[in-house]
Amino acid sequence: MATFIVLLGPPGVGKGTQAKFLAQETGLMHVSSGDLFRENIKNQTDLGKLAKSFIDKGELVPDDVTVAMIKNRLASPDCKAGAILDGFPRTPVQADALHKMLADFKGDVDLVPFITASPDVLIERVSSRWTCRAMGHVYHEKFNPPKVAGKCDVDGSELYQREDDNPETVARRIKIYFEQTAPLIDYYRSQKILVEIDGTQPIDKVTDALLSVMKKVVN
């Protein structure tokens, strides 16, 4: 049976970084709604243009667009064993849609780690984040600086700050996240599959804590 994990946490808490580590350790695919949107934005698809109009304002992409995109990704052969979902669902409505969707893949949400940190910490983290123009590799001035300032270690392309990473937009994204996601936290807590993880710990300690709780559900 496939294993599906929903990784929750506000913008800047390190979900993407942790999801990649967890995918390497467990063999589950990391499925990031943000990455899927950025692929479409980079390719200037109709979906990408639509998603960008919401993301640039720090708003959430409409459910029907997100749900269809996630379902197509989970239908890929590399997700047969399951996936770590990052950035989806964000609301109880999306969670219900995910539950119905996963039934088609003979699975359900097995665990929901919730990585936490205060808004002040999150704003500082995200506003110091830089992304490479070529492939989207992410760096951080404090936690993961590039070897050469302004250049990607992997492909040498220019680093830039995404429009949705400036402090004002970050603050808005965090506000929207907590307003719209609070009911989702209660939704999964009531199912007794939500586990809170302290996101202010060093990155490796957060990874260890996540792997510890995931051992119970990952085959």
Protein backbone atom coordinates (compact mmCIF):
# COMPACT_ATOMS: atom_id res chain seq x y z
CA MET A 1 0.00 0.00 0.00
CA ALA A 2 1.24 3.48 -0.85
CA THR A 3 2.29 5.83 1.96
CA PHE A 4 1.30 9.49 1.85
CA ILE A 5 2.68 12.12 4.21
CA VAL A 6 1.50 15.73 4.34
CA LEU A 7 4.25 18.08 5.52
CA LEU A 8 2.77 21.23 7.05
CA GLY A 9 4.38 24.48 8.12
CA PRO A 10 4.28 28.20 7.29
CA PRO A 11 6.38 29.85 4.54
CA GLY A 12 10.07 29.88 5.45
CA VAL A 13 9.95 27.11 8.05
CA GLY A 14 12.03 24.79 5.86
CA LYS A 15 9.42 22.37 4.51
CA GLY A 16 11.05 22.15 1.08
CA THR A 17 14.52 21.49 2.48
CA GLN A 18 13.22 18.87 4.89
CA ALA A 19 11.03 17.20 2.26
CA LYS A 20 14.07 16.66 0.03
CA PHE A 21 16.03 15.10 2.93
CA LEU A 22 13.07 12.88 3.83
CA ALA A 23 12.58 11.78 0.23
CA GLN A 24 16.23 10.69 0.05
CA GLU A 25 15.95 8.75 3.30
CA THR A 26 12.59 7.06 2.65
CA GLY A 27 12.43 6.65 -1.12
CA LEU A 28 9.09 8.48 -1.25
CA MET A 29 8.75 11.17 -3.91
CA HIS A 30 8.77 14.82 -2.83
CA VAL A 31 5.74 16.45 -4.47
CA SER A 32 5.83 20.22 -4.01
CA SER A 33 2.90 22.29 -5.22
CA GLY A 34 5.25 25.29 -5.38
CA ASP A 35 7.69 23.44 -7.64
CA LEU A 36 4.84 22.34 -9.90
CA PHE A 37 3.65 25.93 -10.18
CA ARG A 38 7.15 27.22 -10.90
CA GLU A 39 7.65 24.66 -13.68
CA ASN A 40 4.49 25.90 -15.34
CA ILE A 41 5.47 29.53 -14.76
CA LYS A 42 8.90 28.97 -16.28
CA ASN A 43 7.33 27.29 -19.32
CA GLN A 44 4.76 30.12 -19.54
CA THR A 45 1.82 27.74 -19.76
CA ASP A 46 -1.70 29.09 -19.27
CA LEU A 47 -1.74 27.44 -15.86
CA GLY A 48 1.61 29.00 -15.02
CA LYS A 49 0.46 32.49 -15.93
CA LEU A 50 -2.68 32.04 -13.83
CA ALA A 51 -0.75 30.68 -10.84
CA LYS A 52 1.82 33.50 -11.05
CA SER A 53 -0.87 36.17 -10.80
CA PHE A 54 -1.86 34.80 -7.39
CA ILE A 55 1.62 33.87 -6.09
CA ASP A 56 3.08 37.31 -6.82
CA LYS A 57 0.40 38.86 -4.60
CA GLY A 58 1.10 36.37 -1.82
CA GLU A 59 -2.27 34.70 -2.36
CA LEU A 60 -3.18 31.05 -2.72
CA VAL A 61 -3.83 29.43 -6.09
CA PRO A 62 -7.50 28.31 -6.55
CA ASP A 63 -8.32 24.79 -5.38
CA ASP A 64 -9.42 23.32 -8.70
CA VAL A 65 -6.13 24.27 -10.38
CA THR A 66 -4.06 22.90 -7.51
CA VAL A 67 -6.01 19.66 -7.11
CA ALA A 68 -5.78 18.77 -10.82
CA MET A 69 -2.05 19.48 -10.86
CA ILE A 70 -1.38 17.32 -7.78
CA LYS A 71 -3.48 14.43 -9.09
CA ASN A 72 -1.59 14.37 -12.39
CA ARG A 73 1.71 14.28 -10.50
CA LEU A 74 0.66 11.48 -8.15
CA ALA A 75 -0.44 9.41 -11.15
CA SER A 76 3.19 9.25 -12.32
CA PRO A 77 4.91 5.86 -11.95
CA ASP A 78 7.55 7.25 -9.58
CA CYS A 79 4.80 7.97 -7.01
CA LYS A 80 3.56 4.37 -6.93
CA ALA A 81 4.99 3.82 -3.41
CA GLY A 82 3.56 7.13 -2.18
CA ALA A 83 4.74 10.70 -1.70
CA ILE A 84 5.63 13.47 0.69
CA LEU A 85 3.26 16.35 -0.08
CA ASP A 86 4.69 19.83 0.48
CA GLY A 87 2.41 22.86 0.11
CA PHE A 88 -0.82 20.90 -0.33
CA PRO A 89 -3.39 20.65 1.13
CA ARG A 90 -3.78 24.07 2.81
CA THR A 91 -7.47 23.96 3.76
CA PRO A 92 -9.99 21.33 4.97
CA VAL A 93 -11.68 21.54 1.55
CA GLN A 94 -8.38 20.61 -0.13
CA ALA A 95 -7.84 17.90 2.49
CA ASP A 96 -11.21 16.35 1.63
CA ALA A 97 -10.29 16.50 -2.07
CA LEU A 98 -6.96 14.83 -1.27
CA HIS A 99 -8.69 12.07 0.70
CA LYS A 100 -10.93 11.27 -2.27
CA MET A 101 -7.99 11.53 -4.68
CA LEU A 102 -5.78 9.16 -2.68
CA ALA A 103 -8.51 6.52 -2.65
CA ASP A 104 -7.86 6.20 -6.40
CA PHE A 105 -4.24 5.38 -5.55
CA LYS A 106 -5.26 2.87 -2.85
CA GLY A 107 -3.98 5.08 -0.03
CA ASP A 108 -4.75 7.87 2.40
CA VAL A 109 -2.84 10.42 4.47
CA ASP A 110 -0.83 8.41 7.01
CA LEU A 111 0.98 11.16 8.92
CA VAL A 112 1.01 14.97 9.11
CA PRO A 113 4.20 16.46 10.59
CA PHE A 114 3.63 20.17 11.40
CA ILE A 115 6.89 22.17 11.53
CA THR A 116 6.42 25.30 13.64
CA ALA A 117 8.20 28.66 14.12
CA SER A 118 7.20 32.23 15.04
CA PRO A 119 6.31 34.80 12.32
CA ASP A 120 9.37 36.97 13.17
CA VAL A 121 11.72 34.03 12.61
CA LEU A 122 9.96 33.14 9.37
CA ILE A 123 10.12 36.65 7.89
CA GLU A 124 13.86 36.83 8.61
CA ARG A 125 14.46 33.44 7.02
CA VAL A 126 12.48 34.00 3.84
CA SER A 127 13.66 37.55 3.15
CA SER A 128 17.25 36.22 3.15
CA ARG A 129 16.46 33.56 0.55
CA TRP A 130 17.89 33.64 -2.99
CA THR A 131 17.00 31.49 -6.01
CA CYS A 132 19.02 30.67 -9.14
CA ARG A 133 17.47 31.74 -12.44
CA ALA A 134 18.38 28.60 -14.38
CA MET A 135 17.05 25.70 -12.31
CA GLY A 136 15.53 27.22 -9.17
CA HIS A 137 18.19 26.06 -6.69
CA VAL A 138 17.59 27.85 -3.38
CA TYR A 139 20.21 29.50 -1.14
CA HIS A 140 20.05 31.39 2.15
CA GLU A 141 22.38 34.15 3.30
CA LYS A 142 22.77 32.55 6.74
CA PHE A 143 21.88 28.87 6.53
CA ASN A 144 22.99 27.92 3.01
CA PRO A 145 25.04 30.69 1.36
CA PRO A 146 26.46 30.19 -2.15
CA LYS A 147 30.23 29.71 -2.45
CA VAL A 148 30.39 32.79 -4.69
CA ALA A 149 28.04 35.65 -3.81
CA GLY A 150 25.27 36.07 -6.37
CA LYS A 151 26.04 32.86 -8.29
CA CYS A 152 24.57 29.34 -8.11
CA ASP A 153 27.02 26.65 -6.95
CA VAL A 154 25.47 24.10 -9.33
CA ASP A 155 25.13 25.90 -12.67
CA GLY A 156 26.74 29.33 -12.11
CA SER A 157 23.57 31.21 -13.00
CA GLU A 158 22.59 34.50 -11.37
CA LEU A 159 20.82 34.41 -8.00
CA TYR A 160 17.78 36.61 -7.49
CA GLN A 161 15.06 37.19 -4.90
CA ARG A 162 11.62 36.04 -5.94
CA GLU A 163 8.92 38.69 -5.81
CA ASP A 164 7.06 36.67 -3.18
CA ASP A 165 10.18 36.60 -0.95
CA ASN A 166 10.29 40.32 -0.13
CA PRO A 167 9.45 41.08 3.57
CA GLU A 168 6.06 42.70 2.90
CA THR A 169 4.82 39.84 0.73
CA VAL A 170 6.27 37.29 3.14
CA ALA A 171 4.37 38.84 6.05
CA ARG A 172 1.17 38.69 3.98
CA ARG A 173 1.81 35.07 2.98
CA ILE A 174 2.37 34.08 6.61
CA LYS A 175 -0.82 35.88 7.71
CA ILE A 176 -2.83 34.14 4.98
CA TYR A 177 -1.20 30.81 5.86
CA PHE A 178 -2.19 30.93 9.52
CA GLU A 179 -5.68 32.26 8.79
CA GLN A 180 -6.48 29.66 6.16
CA THR A 181 -4.49 26.73 7.50
CA ALA A 182 -5.51 26.86 11.18
CA PRO A 183 -8.68 24.84 10.42
CA LEU A 184 -6.52 22.27 8.57
CA ILE A 185 -4.34 21.83 11.66
CA ASP A 186 -7.47 21.07 13.69
CA TYR A 187 -8.74 18.80 10.90
CA TYR A 188 -5.67 16.54 11.04
CA ARG A 189 -5.24 16.84 14.80
CA SER A 190 -8.76 15.47 15.25
CA GLN A 191 -7.70 12.44 13.18
CA LYS A 192 -4.75 11.93 15.56
CA ILE A 193 -2.21 11.92 12.71
CA LEU A 194 -0.74 15.41 13.30
CA VAL A 195 2.64 15.68 15.06
CA GLU A 196 4.24 19.05 15.87
CA ILE A 197 7.96 19.51 15.19
CA ASP A 198 10.02 22.48 16.51
CA GLY A 199 11.27 24.22 13.36
CA THR A 200 13.61 26.55 15.25
CA GLN A 201 16.06 23.70 15.89
CA PRO A 202 19.14 23.24 13.68
CA ILE A 203 18.23 21.73 10.30
CA ASP A 204 19.72 18.31 11.09
CA LYS A 205 17.80 18.11 14.39
CA VAL A 206 14.54 18.88 12.59
CA THR A 207 15.34 16.11 10.08
CA ASP A 208 16.06 13.63 12.90
CA ALA A 209 12.77 14.50 14.61
CA LEU A 210 10.84 14.05 11.36
CA LEU A 211 12.46 10.70 10.53
CA SER A 212 11.71 9.50 14.05
CA VAL A 213 7.97 10.04 13.71
CA MET A 214 7.90 8.80 10.11
CA LYS A 215 9.35 5.39 11.05
CA LYS A 216 5.91 4.41 12.29
CA VAL A 217 4.28 4.71 8.87
CA VAL A 218 6.99 4.29 6.21
CA ASN A 219 7.58 0.67 5.18
